[in-house]
C-alpha atoms as a PDB file:
ATOM      1  CA  MET A   1       1.272  18.910  -7.455  1.00  0.00           C
ATOM      2  CA  ARG A   2      -1.161  18.252  -4.483  1.00  0.00           C
ATOM      3  CA  VAL A   3      -1.623  14.688  -2.870  1.00  0.00           C
ATOM      4  CA  ALA A   4      -2.912  12.455  -0.355  1.00  0.00           C
ATOM      5  CA  VAL A   5      -2.030   9.344   1.371  1.00  0.00           C
ATOM      6  CA  PHE A   6      -3.966   7.429   3.789  1.00  0.00           C
ATOM      7  CA  GLY A   7      -2.210   4.773   5.752  1.00  0.00           C
ATOM      8  CA  ALA A   8       0.521   7.367   6.343  1.00  0.00           C
ATOM      9  CA  ASN A   9       1.756   6.976   9.482  1.00  0.00           C
ATOM     10  CA  GLY A  10       2.342   3.137   8.812  1.00  0.00           C
ATOM     11  CA  PRO A  11       5.469   1.770   7.978  1.00  0.00           C
ATOM     12  CA  THR A  12       5.573   2.606   4.380  1.00  0.00           C
ATOM     13  CA  GLY A  13       3.552   5.473   4.801  1.00  0.00           C
ATOM     14  CA  ARG A  14       5.909   7.528   6.527  1.00  0.00           C
ATOM     15  CA  LEU A  15       8.138   6.546   3.892  1.00  0.00           C
ATOM     16  CA  LEU A  16       5.730   7.774   0.916  1.00  0.00           C
ATOM     17  CA  VAL A  17       4.996  11.131   3.195  1.00  0.00           C
ATOM     18  CA  ALA A  18       8.644  12.097   3.214  1.00  0.00           C
ATOM     19  CA  GLN A  19       9.627  11.494  -0.425  1.00  0.00           C
ATOM     20  CA  ALA A  20       6.640  12.809  -1.791  1.00  0.00           C
ATOM     21  CA  VAL A  21       7.546  16.683   0.264  1.00  0.00           C
ATOM     22  CA  ASP A  22      10.852  16.007  -1.086  1.00  0.00           C
ATOM     23  CA  ALA A  23       9.999  15.569  -4.550  1.00  0.00           C
ATOM     24  CA  GLY A  24       7.936  19.000  -3.933  1.00  0.00           C
ATOM     25  CA  HIS A  25       4.533  17.717  -3.606  1.00  0.00           C
ATOM     26  CA  GLU A  26       1.969  19.466  -1.205  1.00  0.00           C
ATOM     27  CA  VAL A  27       1.391  16.131   0.907  1.00  0.00           C
ATOM     28  CA  VAL A  28      -1.881  15.579   3.030  1.00  0.00           C
ATOM     29  CA  ALA A  29      -0.708  12.990   5.374  1.00  0.00           C
ATOM     30  CA  VAL A  30      -3.313  11.331   6.540  1.00  0.00           C
ATOM     31  CA  THR A  31      -3.757   9.404   9.993  1.00  0.00           C
ATOM     32  CA  ARG A  32      -6.247   8.665  13.518  1.00  0.00           C
ATOM     33  CA  GLN A  33      -3.273  10.006  15.543  1.00  0.00           C
ATOM     34  CA  PRO A  34      -2.353  13.224  13.942  1.00  0.00           C
ATOM     35  CA  GLU A  35      -0.088  14.216  17.398  1.00  0.00           C
ATOM     36  CA  GLY A  36       2.321  10.877  16.452  1.00  0.00           C
ATOM     37  CA  PHE A  37       2.995  11.604  13.395  1.00  0.00           C
ATOM     38  CA  PRO A  38       7.196  11.672  13.378  1.00  0.00           C
ATOM     39  CA  VAL A  39       7.334  14.015  10.025  1.00  0.00           C
ATOM     40  CA  ARG A  40       6.735  17.743  10.082  1.00  0.00           C
ATOM     41  CA  ARG A  41       7.990  19.503   6.968  1.00  0.00           C
ATOM     42  CA  GLU A  42       7.586  22.791   4.842  1.00  0.00           C
ATOM     43  CA  GLY A  43       4.401  21.633   2.233  1.00  0.00           C
ATOM     44  CA  LEU A  44       3.227  18.997   4.527  1.00  0.00           C
ATOM     45  CA  GLU A  45      -0.291  18.721   6.340  1.00  0.00           C
ATOM     46  CA  VAL A  46      -1.093  16.552   9.277  1.00  0.00           C
ATOM     47  CA  ALA A  47      -4.777  15.788   8.798  1.00  0.00           C
ATOM     48  CA  GLY A  48      -6.187  13.914  11.493  1.00  0.00           C
ATOM     49  CA  ALA A  49      -9.460  11.340   9.737  1.00  0.00           C
ATOM     50  CA  ASP A  50     -10.731   8.251  10.543  1.00  0.00           C
ATOM     51  CA  VAL A  51     -10.742   6.538   6.751  1.00  0.00           C
ATOM     52  CA  LEU A  52     -13.931   4.689   8.196  1.00  0.00           C
ATOM     53  CA  SER A  53     -15.582   7.659   8.408  1.00  0.00           C
ATOM     54  CA  ALA A  54     -17.071   9.106   5.006  1.00  0.00           C
ATOM     55  CA  GLU A  55     -17.496  12.519   6.593  1.00  0.00           C
ATOM     56  CA  ALA A  56     -13.829  12.762   7.660  1.00  0.00           C
ATOM     57  CA  VAL A  57     -12.348  11.401   4.032  1.00  0.00           C
ATOM     58  CA  ASP A  58     -14.289  13.871   1.963  1.00  0.00           C
ATOM     59  CA  GLY A  59     -13.040  17.130   4.351  1.00  0.00           C
ATOM     60  CA  VAL A  60      -9.210  15.542   3.294  1.00  0.00           C
ATOM     61  CA  VAL A  61      -9.713  14.500  -0.943  1.00  0.00           C
ATOM     62  CA  THR A  62     -11.472  18.014  -1.336  1.00  0.00           C
ATOM     63  CA  GLY A  63      -9.021  19.990  -3.279  1.00  0.00           C
ATOM     64  CA  CYS A  64      -6.729  17.129  -4.032  1.00  0.00           C
ATOM     65  CA  ASP A  65      -5.152  15.764  -7.538  1.00  0.00           C
ATOM     66  CA  ALA A  66      -4.534  12.224  -6.442  1.00  0.00           C
ATOM     67  CA  VAL A  67      -4.923   9.641  -3.844  1.00  0.00           C
ATOM     68  CA  LEU A  68      -2.492   7.079  -2.615  1.00  0.00           C
ATOM     69  CA  SER A  69      -3.326   4.584  -0.023  1.00  0.00           C
ATOM     70  CA  THR A  70      -1.330   2.578   1.768  1.00  0.00           C
ATOM     71  CA  LEU A  71      -3.539   1.293   4.483  1.00  0.00           C
ATOM     72  CA  GLY A  72      -2.684  -1.859   6.732  1.00  0.00           C
ATOM     73  CA  VAL A  73      -4.411  -3.767   9.204  1.00  0.00           C
ATOM     74  CA  PRO A  74      -2.024  -6.793  10.735  1.00  0.00           C
ATOM     75  CA  ALA A  75      -3.258  -9.927   9.967  1.00  0.00           C
ATOM     76  CA  GLY A  76      -5.458 -12.063  12.266  1.00  0.00           C
ATOM     77  CA  LYS A  77      -8.278 -14.297  12.421  1.00  0.00           C
ATOM     78  CA  LYS A  78     -11.461 -11.966  13.383  1.00  0.00           C
ATOM     79  CA  PRO A  79     -12.814 -10.234  10.402  1.00  0.00           C
ATOM     80  CA  ILE A  80     -10.933  -7.609   8.982  1.00  0.00           C
ATOM     81  CA  ASP A  81     -13.020  -4.582   6.320  1.00  0.00           C
ATOM     82  CA  THR A  82     -10.919  -2.219   6.755  1.00  0.00           C
ATOM     83  CA  TYR A  83      -9.222  -2.038   3.167  1.00  0.00           C
ATOM     84  CA  SER A  84     -13.053  -2.068   1.528  1.00  0.00           C
ATOM     85  CA  ARG A  85     -14.594   0.701   4.111  1.00  0.00           C
ATOM     86  CA  GLY A  86     -11.517   2.608   3.567  1.00  0.00           C
ATOM     87  CA  VAL A  87     -11.188   2.387   0.047  1.00  0.00           C
ATOM     88  CA  ALA A  88     -14.954   2.836  -0.620  1.00  0.00           C
ATOM     89  CA  ASN A  89     -15.042   5.856   1.763  1.00  0.00           C
ATOM     90  CA  ILE A  90     -12.230   7.144  -0.620  1.00  0.00           C
ATOM     91  CA  VAL A  91     -13.497   6.821  -4.085  1.00  0.00           C
ATOM     92  CA  ASP A  92     -16.774   8.290  -3.272  1.00  0.00           C
ATOM     93  CA  ALA A  93     -14.884  11.160  -2.068  1.00  0.00           C
ATOM     94  CA  MET A  94     -12.875  10.926  -4.936  1.00  0.00           C
ATOM     95  CA  LYS A  95     -15.807  10.974  -7.374  1.00  0.00           C
ATOM     96  CA  ARG A  96     -17.850  13.634  -5.582  1.00  0.00           C
ATOM     97  CA  HIS A  97     -14.871  16.328  -5.651  1.00  0.00           C
ATOM     98  CA  GLY A  98     -13.408  15.388  -9.299  1.00  0.00           C
ATOM     99  CA  VAL A  99     -10.420  13.537  -8.644  1.00  0.00           C
ATOM    100  CA  ARG A 100      -9.384  10.929 -10.605  1.00  0.00           C
ATOM    101  CA  ARG A 101      -5.897   9.496  -9.635  1.00  0.00           C
ATOM    102  CA  LEU A 102      -5.980   6.890  -6.978  1.00  0.00           C
ATOM    103  CA  ALA A 103      -3.642   4.025  -6.037  1.00  0.00           C
ATOM    104  CA  VAL A 104      -3.879   1.578  -3.723  1.00  0.00           C
ATOM    105  CA  VAL A 105      -0.916  -0.826  -1.993  1.00  0.00           C
ATOM    106  CA  SER A 106      -2.670  -4.413  -1.528  1.00  0.00           C
ATOM    107  CA  SER A 107      -0.483  -7.996  -1.709  1.00  0.00           C
ATOM    108  CA  SER A 108       0.827 -10.239  -3.528  1.00  0.00           C
ATOM    109  CA  GLY A 109      -1.228 -12.381  -1.386  1.00  0.00           C
ATOM    110  CA  VAL A 110      -4.627 -11.846  -2.766  1.00  0.00           C
ATOM    111  CA  ASP A 111      -3.172 -14.186  -5.498  1.00  0.00           C
ATOM    112  CA  PRO A 112      -0.598 -16.534  -4.207  1.00  0.00           C
ATOM    113  CA  GLN A 113       1.629 -17.981  -6.448  1.00  0.00           C
ATOM    114  CA  PRO A 114       4.473 -20.975  -5.864  1.00  0.00           C
ATOM    115  CA  TYR A 115       7.878 -19.036  -6.396  1.00  0.00           C
ATOM    116  CA  SER A 116      10.764 -20.774  -9.045  1.00  0.00           C
ATOM    117  CA  ASP A 117      13.270 -20.251  -5.721  1.00  0.00           C
ATOM    118  CA  GLY A 118      10.770 -20.603  -3.010  1.00  0.00           C
ATOM    119  CA  GLY A 119      11.407 -24.042  -2.623  1.00  0.00           C
ATOM    120  CA  PHE A 120       9.315 -26.824  -0.599  1.00  0.00           C
ATOM    121  CA  LEU A 121       9.158 -25.409   2.538  1.00  0.00           C
ATOM    122  CA  PHE A 122       8.211 -21.991   1.093  1.00  0.00           C
ATOM    123  CA  ASN A 123       5.320 -22.539  -1.631  1.00  0.00           C
ATOM    124  CA  ARG A 124       3.615 -25.687   0.498  1.00  0.00           C
ATOM    125  CA  LEU A 125       3.665 -25.336   3.797  1.00  0.00           C
ATOM    126  CA  LEU A 126       4.370 -21.507   4.652  1.00  0.00           C
ATOM    127  CA  LEU A 127       2.794 -19.713   1.764  1.00  0.00           C
ATOM    128  CA  PRO A 128      -0.973 -21.671   2.214  1.00  0.00           C
ATOM    129  CA  TYR A 129      -0.490 -21.079   5.960  1.00  0.00           C
ATOM    130  CA  VAL A 130      -0.545 -17.424   5.325  1.00  0.00           C
ATOM    131  CA  THR A 131      -2.399 -16.991   2.914  1.00  0.00           C
ATOM    132  CA  ARG A 132      -5.327 -19.498   3.580  1.00  0.00           C
ATOM    133  CA  VAL A 133      -5.335 -19.093   7.376  1.00  0.00           C
ATOM    134  CA  LEU A 134      -3.139 -16.815   9.133  1.00  0.00           C
ATOM    135  CA  GLY A 135      -3.929 -14.026   6.887  1.00  0.00           C
ATOM    136  CA  LYS A 136      -7.217 -15.639   5.568  1.00  0.00           C
ATOM    137  CA  THR A 137      -9.772 -12.374   6.319  1.00  0.00           C
ATOM    138  CA  MET A 138      -6.666  -9.621   5.643  1.00  0.00           C
ATOM    139  CA  TYR A 139      -6.552 -11.325   2.151  1.00  0.00           C
ATOM    140  CA  ASP A 140     -10.135 -11.926   1.801  1.00  0.00           C
ATOM    141  CA  ASP A 141     -10.944  -7.911   2.194  1.00  0.00           C
ATOM    142  CA  MET A 142      -8.357  -6.948   0.029  1.00  0.00           C
ATOM    143  CA  ARG A 143      -9.878  -8.889  -2.697  1.00  0.00           C
ATOM    144  CA  ARG A 144     -13.523  -6.787  -1.973  1.00  0.00           C
ATOM    145  CA  MET A 145     -10.549  -3.479  -1.943  1.00  0.00           C
ATOM    146  CA  GLU A 146      -9.538  -4.386  -5.362  1.00  0.00           C
ATOM    147  CA  ALA A 147     -13.246  -5.413  -6.491  1.00  0.00           C
ATOM    148  CA  LEU A 148     -14.269  -1.841  -5.701  1.00  0.00           C
ATOM    149  CA  VAL A 149     -11.134   0.275  -7.077  1.00  0.00           C
ATOM    150  CA  ARG A 150     -11.417  -1.461 -10.515  1.00  0.00           C
ATOM    151  CA  ASP A 151     -14.814  -1.061 -10.582  1.00  0.00           C
ATOM    152  CA  SER A 152     -14.662   2.299  -9.660  1.00  0.00           C
ATOM    153  CA  GLY A 153     -14.229   4.282 -12.949  1.00  0.00           C
ATOM    154  CA  LEU A 154     -11.304   6.013 -11.934  1.00  0.00           C
ATOM    155  CA  ASP A 155      -7.718   6.624 -12.738  1.00  0.00           C
ATOM    156  CA  TRP A 156      -6.547   4.096 -10.750  1.00  0.00           C
ATOM    157  CA  THR A 157      -3.418   1.600 -10.167  1.00  0.00           C
ATOM    158  CA  ILE A 158      -3.417  -1.682  -7.842  1.00  0.00           C
ATOM    159  CA  VAL A 159       0.472  -2.091  -6.751  1.00  0.00           C
ATOM    160  CA  ARG A 160       1.155  -5.642  -4.784  1.00  0.00           C
ATOM    161  CA  PRO A 161       4.270  -5.861  -3.139  1.00  0.00           C
ATOM    162  CA  SER A 162       5.435  -8.993  -1.667  1.00  0.00           C
ATOM    163  CA  GLY A 163       7.601  -9.773   1.566  1.00  0.00           C
ATOM    164  CA  LEU A 164       7.836  -6.152   3.091  1.00  0.00           C
ATOM    165  CA  TYR A 165      11.175  -5.259   4.568  1.00  0.00           C
ATOM    166  CA  HIS A 166      13.620  -2.538   5.418  1.00  0.00           C
ATOM    167  CA  LEU A 167      16.064  -0.619   3.534  1.00  0.00           C
ATOM    168  CA  PRO A 168      17.981   2.621   4.153  1.00  0.00           C
ATOM    169  CA  ALA A 169      17.272   3.981   1.081  1.00  0.00           C
ATOM    170  CA  ALA A 170      15.745   3.373  -2.685  1.00  0.00           C
ATOM    171  CA  THR A 171      17.024   0.660  -5.051  1.00  0.00           C
ATOM    172  CA  GLU A 172      16.706   0.131  -8.954  1.00  0.00           C
ATOM    173  CA  TYR A 173      13.123  -1.928  -8.472  1.00  0.00           C
ATOM    174  CA  THR A 174      11.320  -3.275 -10.852  1.00  0.00           C
ATOM    175  CA  VAL A 175       7.659  -2.428 -12.113  1.00  0.00           C
ATOM    176  CA  VAL A 176       5.861  -6.234 -13.288  1.00  0.00           C
ATOM    177  CA  GLU A 177       2.148  -6.008 -14.376  1.00  0.00           C
ATOM    178  CA  GLY A 178       0.335  -8.478 -12.708  1.00  0.00           C
ATOM    179  CA  HIS A 179       1.901 -11.283 -10.859  1.00  0.00           C
ATOM    180  CA  ALA A 180       5.841 -11.343 -10.407  1.00  0.00           C
ATOM    181  CA  ASP A 181       8.167 -14.003  -9.619  1.00  0.00           C
ATOM    182  CA  ALA A 182      10.350 -12.374  -6.454  1.00  0.00           C
ATOM    183  CA  ARG A 183       9.293 -13.154  -2.736  1.00  0.00           C
ATOM    184  CA  PHE A 184      10.564  -9.286  -1.408  1.00  0.00           C
ATOM    185  CA  THR A 185       9.801  -5.840  -1.369  1.00  0.00           C
ATOM    186  CA  ALA A 186      11.615  -3.322   0.198  1.00  0.00           C
ATOM    187  CA  ARG A 187       9.120  -0.726   1.609  1.00  0.00           C
ATOM    188  CA  VAL A 188      11.380   2.488   0.671  1.00  0.00           C
ATOM    189  CA  ASP A 189      10.802   0.373  -3.218  1.00  0.00           C
ATOM    190  CA  LEU A 190       6.735   0.012  -2.378  1.00  0.00           C
ATOM    191  CA  ALA A 191       7.028   3.869  -1.300  1.00  0.00           C
ATOM    192  CA  ALA A 192       9.084   5.277  -4.601  1.00  0.00           C
ATOM    193  CA  CYS A 193       7.090   3.505  -6.836  1.00  0.00           C
ATOM    194  CA  MET A 194       3.573   4.365  -5.100  1.00  0.00           C
ATOM    195  CA  LEU A 195       5.372   8.084  -5.774  1.00  0.00           C
ATOM    196  CA  ALA A 196       5.848   7.567  -8.865  1.00  0.00           C
ATOM    197  CA  LEU A 197       2.661   6.689 -10.495  1.00  0.00           C
ATOM    198  CA  VAL A 198       1.226  10.348  -9.664  1.00  0.00           C
ATOM    199  CA  ASP A 199       3.053  11.252 -12.771  1.00  0.00           C
ATOM    200  CA  ASP A 200       2.776   8.024 -14.784  1.00  0.00           C
ATOM    201  CA  ASP A 201      -0.392   7.136 -16.417  1.00  0.00           C
ATOM    202  CA  ARG A 202       1.434   3.798 -18.276  1.00  0.00           C
ATOM    203  CA  TYR A 203       0.006   1.702 -15.780  1.00  0.00           C
ATOM    204  CA  VAL A 204      -3.730   2.873 -15.121  1.00  0.00           C
ATOM    205  CA  GLY A 205      -6.757   0.789 -15.000  1.00  0.00           C
ATOM    206  CA  GLY A 206      -3.491  -2.169 -14.531  1.00  0.00           C
ATOM    207  CA  THR A 207      -2.050  -4.382 -11.125  1.00  0.00           C
ATOM    208  CA  VAL A 208       1.514  -4.198 -10.770  1.00  0.00           C
ATOM    209  CA  SER A 209       3.797  -5.892  -8.728  1.00  0.00           C
ATOM    210  CA  VAL A 210       7.324  -4.285  -7.009  1.00  0.00           C
ATOM    211  CA  VAL A 211      10.181  -5.983  -7.007  1.00  0.00           C
ATOM    212  CA  THR A 212      13.485  -5.828  -5.138  1.00  0.00           C
ATOM    213  CA  THR A 213      16.556  -7.608  -5.963  1.00  0.00           C
ATOM    214  CA  ALA A 214      19.136  -5.976  -4.012  1.00  0.00           C
ATOM    215  CA  ASP A 215      19.915  -6.837  -0.598  1.00  0.00           C
ATOM    216  CA  ASN A 216      16.962  -9.605   0.123  1.00  0.00           C
ATOM    217  CA  PRO A 217      16.988 -11.244   2.960  1.00  0.00           C
ATOM    218  CA  THR A 218      16.737 -14.847   3.426  1.00  0.00           C
ATOM    219  CA  MET A 219      14.097 -16.405   4.317  1.00  0.00           C
ATOM    220  CA  LEU A 220      14.989 -16.895   8.056  1.00  0.00           C
ATOM    221  CA  GLN A 221      15.954 -13.600   8.242  1.00  0.00           C
ATOM    222  CA  TRP A 222      12.763 -12.331   6.926  1.00  0.00           C
ATOM    223  CA  ILE A 223      10.709 -14.313   9.056  1.00  0.00           C
ATOM    224  CA  ARG A 224      12.626 -13.124  12.224  1.00  0.00           C
ATOM    225  CA  ARG A 225      12.779  -9.671  11.460  1.00  0.00           C
ATOM    226  CA  GLU A 226       9.029  -9.046   9.865  1.00  0.00           C
ATOM    227  CA  ALA A 227       6.468 -11.696  10.382  1.00  0.00           C
ATOM    228  CA  MET A 228       7.473 -12.018  13.738  1.00  0.00           C
ATOM    229  CA  ALA A 229       8.272  -8.093  14.219  1.00  0.00           C
ATOM    230  CA  LYS A 230       5.570  -6.496  16.636  1.00  0.00           C
ATOM    231  CA  ARG A 231       3.117  -4.568  14.366  1.00  0.00           C
END
């Protein structure tokens, strides 16, 4: 199967590309900076394309069997439209070329809900600050992206991870339809879930959460390693 991965040069995208190649797929890794892409393997094509360019996206999507989007933009107070504009171009190109399967990474922050193990500090202070202030423009654009995907008429799945962190290998992660009462998702599990969707139609037309329960960081560890890390 020929699979296009948008956002391929991000932390999750690189893992997804490597896993897809290992699984025997023909992979097109889409990045604005192809010369800096670290993975070079047989069965992998690195395509230099900006997701905001409809013409560039069209050239990548043609001939593919599935499209996976791991687009990521740092949170900030400035307006963000990369998710919605980029996925709009992807959807249009898929329709033109008859490509049906689409999976996109969104975030649990699009529909923030208290967590049973979150406690007062997380549920009442940190979560509202991140989703309503620090990441407001990002989550607003993710909501626009999700609405566009739902209205696309394609065989789509929206994947919502929670707090992302690093693990060296995939775990026995859990996929939950809708909201999951779990605060963490390992990037390697997110990548594995995205790849599994290529051949799995159980979640077509649905929104799922990816849950990692092994080796979760504490909230303080997560803030130090991830939330405060340079993106």
